[in-house]
Protein backbone atom coordinates (compact mmCIF):
# COMPACT_ATOMS: atom_id res chain seq x y z
CA MET A 1 -22.73 77.17 100.96
CA LYS A 2 -20.29 76.49 103.79
CA GLY A 3 -22.51 73.71 105.10
CA ARG A 4 -22.75 72.06 101.69
CA CYS A 5 -19.00 72.37 101.18
CA ALA A 6 -18.30 70.81 104.55
CA LEU A 7 -20.59 67.91 103.69
CA ALA A 8 -18.96 67.47 100.28
CA GLU A 9 -15.51 67.50 101.87
CA LEU A 10 -16.56 64.77 104.29
CA LYS A 11 -17.87 62.67 101.42
CA THR A 12 -14.59 62.97 99.54
CA SER A 13 -12.09 62.94 102.40
CA LEU A 14 -10.05 60.22 104.03
CA TRP A 15 -12.91 59.52 106.46
CA ASN A 16 -14.72 57.68 103.67
CA CYS A 17 -11.58 55.88 102.49
CA ASN A 18 -11.72 52.28 103.61
CA PHE A 19 -8.48 52.02 105.59
CA SER A 20 -9.67 48.66 106.83
CA HIS A 21 -6.08 47.48 107.24
CA ILE A 22 -3.18 49.57 108.53
CA TYR A 23 0.34 48.22 108.17
CA VAL A 24 2.87 49.55 110.67
CA GLU A 25 6.63 49.13 110.51
CA LYS A 26 8.15 47.81 113.73
CA GLU A 27 10.38 50.87 113.87
CA ALA A 28 7.33 53.14 113.66
CA LEU A 29 5.23 51.40 116.31
CA ASN A 30 6.06 53.67 119.25
CA HIS A 31 6.25 56.96 117.38
CA GLU A 32 3.85 59.65 118.62
CA ILE A 33 2.56 60.33 115.10
CA THR A 34 1.77 56.63 114.73
CA LYS A 35 -0.26 56.68 117.94
CA LYS A 36 -2.09 59.79 116.81
CA ILE A 37 -2.99 58.31 113.42
CA LEU A 38 -4.06 54.95 114.82
CA SER A 39 -6.38 56.69 117.27
CA HIS A 40 -8.52 57.74 114.30
CA PHE A 41 -8.96 54.19 113.02
CA LYS A 42 -9.83 52.07 116.04
CA ASN A 43 -11.93 49.66 113.95
CA SER A 44 -9.15 48.92 111.48
CA THR A 45 -6.97 45.83 111.52
CA PHE A 46 -3.36 46.62 112.43
CA ILE A 47 -0.61 44.51 110.93
CA GLU A 48 3.02 44.74 112.02
CA ILE A 49 5.63 44.60 109.24
CA ASN A 50 9.38 44.97 108.94
CA SER A 51 9.41 47.37 105.98
CA TYR A 52 6.75 49.31 104.11
CA LYS A 53 8.17 47.92 100.88
CA GLU A 54 6.84 44.47 101.81
CA VAL A 55 3.36 45.80 101.09
CA PHE A 56 3.89 48.85 98.94
CA SER A 57 6.50 47.56 96.50
CA ARG A 58 5.44 43.98 95.93
CA ARG A 59 4.94 42.81 92.36
CA CYS A 60 1.72 42.37 90.36
CA GLN A 61 -0.37 45.01 92.13
CA SER A 62 -3.22 46.92 90.48
CA PHE A 63 -3.09 50.65 91.16
CA SER A 64 -6.63 51.14 89.85
CA ALA A 65 -8.16 48.27 91.85
CA GLN A 66 -6.51 49.40 95.08
CA LYS A 67 -8.01 52.87 94.64
CA ASN A 68 -11.39 51.34 95.46
CA SER A 69 -10.20 50.44 98.96
CA PRO A 70 -6.79 51.89 99.80
CA LYS A 71 -4.84 50.69 102.81
CA LEU A 72 -2.62 52.77 105.07
CA ILE A 73 1.06 52.09 105.72
CA LEU A 74 2.98 53.82 108.51
CA ALA A 75 6.73 53.82 108.07
CA VAL A 76 10.02 55.50 108.99
CA LYS A 77 11.86 57.46 106.30
CA LYS A 78 15.61 56.87 106.39
CA GLU A 79 16.92 58.84 103.42
CA ASN A 80 16.02 61.30 100.66
CA PHE A 81 14.26 63.81 102.88
CA LEU A 82 14.38 66.38 100.07
CA TYR A 83 14.35 66.03 96.28
CA LYS A 84 15.54 68.54 93.71
CA GLY A 85 12.61 70.23 91.98
CA ALA A 86 11.99 68.95 88.45
CA GLU A 87 12.27 71.19 85.39
CA VAL A 88 8.65 70.42 84.46
CA CYS A 89 7.53 72.12 87.69
CA HIS A 90 7.24 75.83 88.43
CA ASP A 91 9.92 77.35 90.67
CA PHE A 92 8.27 80.81 90.60
CA GLY A 93 11.63 82.49 90.27
CA ASN A 94 13.05 80.87 93.39
CA SER A 95 16.51 79.37 93.62
CA ASN A 96 17.26 76.20 95.61
CA PHE A 97 13.94 74.66 94.61
CA TYR A 98 13.15 71.33 96.31
CA TYR A 99 10.17 69.22 97.22
CA SER A 100 9.53 66.97 100.17
CA SER A 101 7.67 63.66 100.26
CA SER A 102 6.44 62.85 103.76
CA ILE A 103 3.44 61.02 102.32
CA MET A 104 3.36 58.85 99.21
CA ASN A 105 0.11 58.74 97.23
CA CYS A 106 -3.06 60.77 97.51
CA ILE A 107 -6.57 60.19 98.81
CA TYR A 108 -7.90 61.65 95.56
CA ASP A 109 -7.99 59.79 92.24
CA CYS A 110 -7.30 62.19 89.36
CA GLU A 111 -7.12 60.47 85.98
CA TYR A 112 -4.14 62.55 84.85
CA CYS A 113 -2.11 62.21 88.05
CA TYR A 114 1.52 61.25 87.47
CA LEU A 115 1.50 59.21 90.68
CA ARG A 116 -0.35 56.53 88.70
CA GLY A 117 2.83 56.02 86.76
CA VAL A 118 5.29 56.43 89.63
CA TYR A 119 4.20 53.94 92.25
CA PRO A 120 3.39 50.21 92.03
CA SER A 121 0.64 50.64 94.62
CA SER A 122 -2.09 53.17 95.37
CA ASN A 123 -1.97 52.41 99.09
CA ILE A 124 -0.90 55.44 101.11
CA VAL A 125 2.42 55.55 102.94
CA ILE A 126 2.87 58.04 105.76
CA PHE A 127 6.41 58.50 107.04
CA VAL A 128 5.79 59.26 110.69
CA ASN A 129 9.27 60.59 111.50
CA ILE A 130 8.70 63.99 109.95
CA GLU A 131 10.98 65.51 112.60
CA ASP A 132 13.94 64.02 110.73
CA THR A 133 12.87 65.77 107.54
CA LEU A 134 12.48 69.08 109.36
CA LYS A 135 15.89 68.65 110.99
CA ASN A 136 17.45 68.01 107.58
CA VAL A 137 15.85 71.20 106.27
CA GLU A 138 17.16 73.20 109.23
CA ASP A 139 20.68 71.93 108.59
CA ILE A 140 20.53 73.01 104.94
CA LEU A 141 19.09 76.40 105.88
CA LYS A 142 22.31 77.12 107.76
CA LYS A 143 24.03 77.11 104.35
CA HIS A 144 21.48 78.80 102.08
CA PRO A 145 17.77 79.65 101.71
CA LEU A 146 15.29 77.04 100.45
CA TYR A 147 12.06 77.01 98.48
CA ILE A 148 10.23 73.74 99.22
CA CYS A 149 6.98 72.40 97.82
CA ILE A 150 5.77 70.15 100.63
CA SER A 151 2.72 68.66 98.93
CA TYR A 152 3.68 67.24 95.53
CA ASP A 153 3.37 63.47 96.08
CA SER A 154 0.19 63.74 98.12
CA ASP A 155 -2.29 66.34 99.38
CA LEU A 156 -1.06 67.20 102.87
CA LEU A 157 -3.89 69.59 103.65
CA ALA A 158 -6.49 66.94 102.85
CA LEU A 159 -4.78 64.63 105.37
CA GLU A 160 -4.04 67.32 107.95
CA ASN A 161 -6.68 66.17 110.42
CA ILE A 162 -4.84 62.91 111.09
CA THR A 163 -1.18 63.84 110.54
CA GLY A 164 -0.71 67.48 111.53
CA PHE A 165 2.22 67.65 109.07
CA THR A 166 1.19 70.94 107.50
CA ALA A 167 1.14 72.62 110.90
CA MET A 168 4.68 71.39 111.60
CA TRP A 169 5.94 72.82 108.31
CA ILE A 170 4.26 76.15 109.08
CA GLU A 171 5.94 76.23 112.49
CA LEU A 172 9.30 75.57 110.81
CA ALA A 173 8.69 78.43 108.36
CA LYS A 174 7.73 80.70 111.25
CA ASN A 175 11.13 80.14 112.86
CA ASN A 176 13.12 80.30 109.60
CA PRO A 177 12.41 83.35 107.44
CA ASN A 178 14.91 82.09 104.83
CA LEU A 179 12.63 79.13 104.21
CA LYS A 180 9.75 79.52 101.75
CA ILE A 181 7.16 76.77 101.44
CA GLU A 182 4.27 76.02 99.12
CA ILE A 183 1.30 73.95 100.31
CA ARG A 184 -0.46 72.69 97.16
CA THR A 185 -3.95 71.27 97.52
CA LYS A 186 -7.28 70.46 95.92
CA SER A 187 -8.97 70.11 99.28
CA ALA A 188 -11.56 72.29 100.96
CA ASN A 189 -9.88 71.76 104.32
CA PHE A 190 -8.47 75.18 105.11
CA LYS A 191 -10.35 75.01 108.40
CA ALA A 192 -7.58 72.67 109.61
CA LEU A 193 -5.23 75.68 109.57
CA GLY A 194 -7.69 78.18 110.97
CA SER A 195 -5.83 78.74 114.24
CA PHE A 196 -2.49 79.64 112.64
CA THR A 197 -1.22 83.15 111.97
CA PRO A 198 -0.45 83.71 108.26
CA LEU A 199 3.19 84.01 107.26
CA ASN A 200 4.83 85.89 104.39
CA ASN A 201 6.97 82.86 103.52
CA VAL A 202 4.08 80.38 103.25
CA TYR A 203 1.94 80.06 100.12
CA ILE A 204 -1.24 78.02 100.00
CA ALA A 205 -1.63 76.97 96.38
CA TRP A 206 -4.98 75.70 95.19
CA THR A 207 -5.19 73.66 92.01
CA LEU A 208 -8.38 74.73 90.25
CA SER A 209 -10.15 73.17 87.27
CA PRO A 210 -13.48 73.72 85.54
CA GLU A 211 -16.31 71.75 87.12
CA GLU A 212 -16.56 69.75 83.90
CA VAL A 213 -12.94 68.62 84.36
CA ILE A 214 -13.41 67.91 88.07
CA THR A 215 -16.44 65.73 87.38
CA ARG A 216 -14.77 63.76 84.59
CA PHE A 217 -11.14 63.55 85.64
CA GLU A 218 -10.70 64.47 89.34
CA LYS A 219 -12.49 61.66 91.13
CA ASN A 220 -13.25 62.13 94.84
CA THR A 221 -12.03 65.75 94.92
CA PRO A 222 -14.12 68.64 96.29
CA SER A 223 -16.11 70.70 93.82
CA LEU A 224 -14.86 73.99 92.41
CA LYS A 225 -17.34 75.88 94.60
CA CYS A 226 -16.06 74.18 97.73
CA ARG A 227 -12.44 74.91 96.86
CA ILE A 228 -13.26 78.55 96.24
CA GLU A 229 -15.08 78.82 99.56
CA SER A 230 -11.95 77.49 101.26
CA ILE A 231 -9.78 79.97 99.32
CA LYS A 232 -12.02 82.87 100.37
CA GLU A 233 -11.72 81.78 103.98
CA ALA A 234 -7.93 81.66 103.70
CA ILE A 235 -7.90 85.11 102.11
CA SER A 236 -10.02 86.48 104.92
CA LYS A 237 -7.40 85.25 107.39
CA GLY A 238 -4.58 86.96 105.46
CA TRP A 239 -2.77 84.00 103.89
CA LYS A 240 -0.79 84.27 100.68
CA ILE A 241 -2.77 82.54 97.95
CA ARG A 242 -1.50 81.01 94.73
CA LEU A 243 -3.91 79.80 92.05
CA CYS A 244 -2.77 76.90 89.88
CA PHE A 245 -4.49 76.36 86.54
CA ASP A 246 -2.38 73.28 86.02
CA PRO A 247 -2.70 70.96 84.26
CA LEU A 248 -4.78 72.38 81.45
CA LEU A 249 -6.45 69.50 79.62
CA TYR A 250 -7.16 69.46 75.89
CA ILE A 251 -10.90 68.83 75.90
CA ASP A 252 -13.82 69.57 73.59
CA SER A 253 -15.04 73.19 73.80
CA PHE A 254 -11.81 74.12 75.59
CA GLU A 255 -12.14 77.88 75.13
CA ARG A 256 -15.81 78.00 76.16
CA ILE A 257 -15.31 75.82 79.25
CA TYR A 258 -12.04 77.34 80.45
CA GLY A 259 -13.11 80.88 79.58
CA LYS A 260 -16.27 80.59 81.67
CA PHE A 261 -14.30 78.90 84.44
CA ILE A 262 -11.66 81.64 84.71
CA ASP A 263 -14.29 84.37 84.76
CA TYR A 264 -16.12 82.55 87.55
CA VAL A 265 -12.95 82.16 89.63
CA PHE A 266 -11.97 85.82 89.50
CA GLU A 267 -15.51 87.03 89.97
CA SER A 268 -15.69 84.92 93.13
CA ILE A 269 -12.29 85.74 94.64
CA PRO A 270 -10.92 89.25 95.30
CA LYS A 271 -8.14 89.42 92.71
CA GLU A 272 -6.07 91.87 94.75
CA ASN A 273 -5.50 89.11 97.31
CA ILE A 274 -3.95 86.67 94.84
CA SER A 275 -0.15 86.54 95.13
CA ASP A 276 0.44 84.84 91.78
CA VAL A 277 -0.94 82.36 89.27
CA SER A 278 0.61 79.36 87.56
CA ILE A 279 -0.50 77.99 84.19
CA GLY A 280 0.67 74.71 82.71
CA VAL A 281 -0.52 72.05 80.29
CA PHE A 282 -0.65 68.33 81.04
CA ARG A 283 2.89 66.94 80.90
CA ILE A 284 4.44 63.75 82.19
CA SER A 285 7.58 61.63 82.06
CA LYS A 286 7.57 59.17 79.18
CA ASP A 287 8.24 56.27 81.55
CA TYR A 288 5.42 57.23 83.92
CA PHE A 289 3.06 57.60 80.98
CA LYS A 290 3.76 54.07 79.75
CA LYS A 291 2.77 52.65 83.13
CA MET A 292 -0.38 54.79 83.24
CA GLN A 293 -1.47 53.70 79.77
CA LYS A 294 -0.95 50.06 80.66
CA GLU A 295 -2.95 50.40 83.88
CA TYR A 296 -5.72 52.51 82.31
CA PRO A 297 -6.04 51.37 78.67
CA SER A 298 -9.56 52.79 78.28
CA SER A 299 -8.62 56.35 79.30
CA LEU A 300 -9.58 58.82 76.57
CA LEU A 301 -7.42 61.43 78.26
CA LEU A 302 -4.33 59.28 77.69
CA ALA A 303 -5.30 58.37 74.10
CA TYR A 304 -4.12 61.72 72.71
CA PRO A 305 -1.12 61.38 70.33
CA PHE A 306 1.33 63.08 72.69
CA GLU A 307 4.71 64.33 71.54
CA CYS A 308 7.93 63.61 73.42
CA SER A 309 10.63 66.18 74.11
CA ASN A 310 13.60 65.41 76.36
CA GLY A 311 11.76 62.46 77.90
CA VAL A 312 8.60 64.45 78.68
CA LEU A 313 5.27 63.84 76.93
CA SER A 314 2.78 66.62 76.34
CA TYR A 315 0.35 67.95 73.75
CA ARG A 316 1.47 68.96 70.31
CA LYS A 317 3.28 72.27 70.35
CA LYS A 318 0.47 74.21 68.67
CA HIS A 319 -2.16 72.81 71.01
CA SER A 320 -0.01 73.59 74.05
CA GLU A 321 0.70 77.12 72.88
CA ASP A 322 -2.95 77.79 72.04
CA MET A 323 -4.10 76.56 75.45
CA ILE A 324 -1.47 78.48 77.38
CA ASN A 325 -2.03 81.69 75.39
CA PHE A 326 -5.80 81.53 75.76
CA VAL A 327 -5.69 81.05 79.53
CA TYR A 328 -2.88 83.59 79.94
CA ASP A 329 -4.88 86.23 78.06
CA LYS A 330 -7.96 85.54 80.16
CA VAL A 331 -6.07 85.60 83.47
CA SER A 332 -4.14 88.77 82.54
CA LYS A 333 -7.44 90.65 82.42
CA TYR A 334 -7.66 90.13 86.17
CA ILE A 335 -4.04 89.74 87.37
CA GLU A 336 -0.90 91.71 86.57
CA LYS A 337 1.19 89.89 83.98
CA GLU A 338 4.27 89.86 86.20
CA LYS A 339 2.32 87.66 88.63
CA ILE A 340 1.55 85.01 86.00
CA PHE A 341 3.90 82.07 85.49
CA THR A 342 3.50 79.75 82.51
CA LEU A 343 5.01 76.40 81.70
CA GLU A 344 4.44 74.30 78.58
CA GLY A 345 5.18 70.60 78.25
């Protein structure tokens, strides 16, 4: 199984992404992270630019077309090192909830991903000066504790082999016990963290979906089996593990598919090693949704008659409640209820 998972991860990782062209800001040219990243793509064409926005933010781009052959952009981040966590996201009972965006866009191509509605381009931007972000976090930690989700606008663990960003965040958490971080991922790349000692203030959070959902809606992501193998490896090393059944999608035979899926997950993973579980239905900003619908007019997933509440679109209240309650009841057979966090649209 480990051999097959490794092969599947290679087939769906950045190594198969066609980064044929890499745009580098002048200010980023001599940065050590830039040199490290470029060393992995010696056959790519390098293009020097003044600002990443010249490429990333230009008009009349097609997010969907660019997903077939994404380009890489290396840039320097000059502001907004941290963002306040949104109300539609789980804070797991933590105060001072923030997220960081050292990478914009993801190597995966999930049909429901809100990034499709956020950015004008599906090219990937890596801000190489992560030390400035970490310094900003350290300054804030002198005032109060922080809970930071470091992998919301990308999948840092999937890109770890070329950036090393996750390792840097773990090192920061090691030296700052008043910092708590969540590393959210769909990858099967835990091996990239194999040499690190687990920390009580670091959670690795795997987003899990039924194989039927992965096949239909989570293009280029590792299979459920491969993700679970990676989770089991992380558990064996002593890491804190969070399982994220989020977003739940309103699909035909929902109860049969999700019921079987949840049983499989908890029969495969020792439940006593799960720190907590999050459950949430598909939900998205109204403005992001409009852009997604325009870019993907044939998407059946987006054709549902969503309801809007406070600028957020999600399933009808009854559908949301039924989905949440069904999954909650199933999960609570395996995990203590106080460890389960739910969030509707």
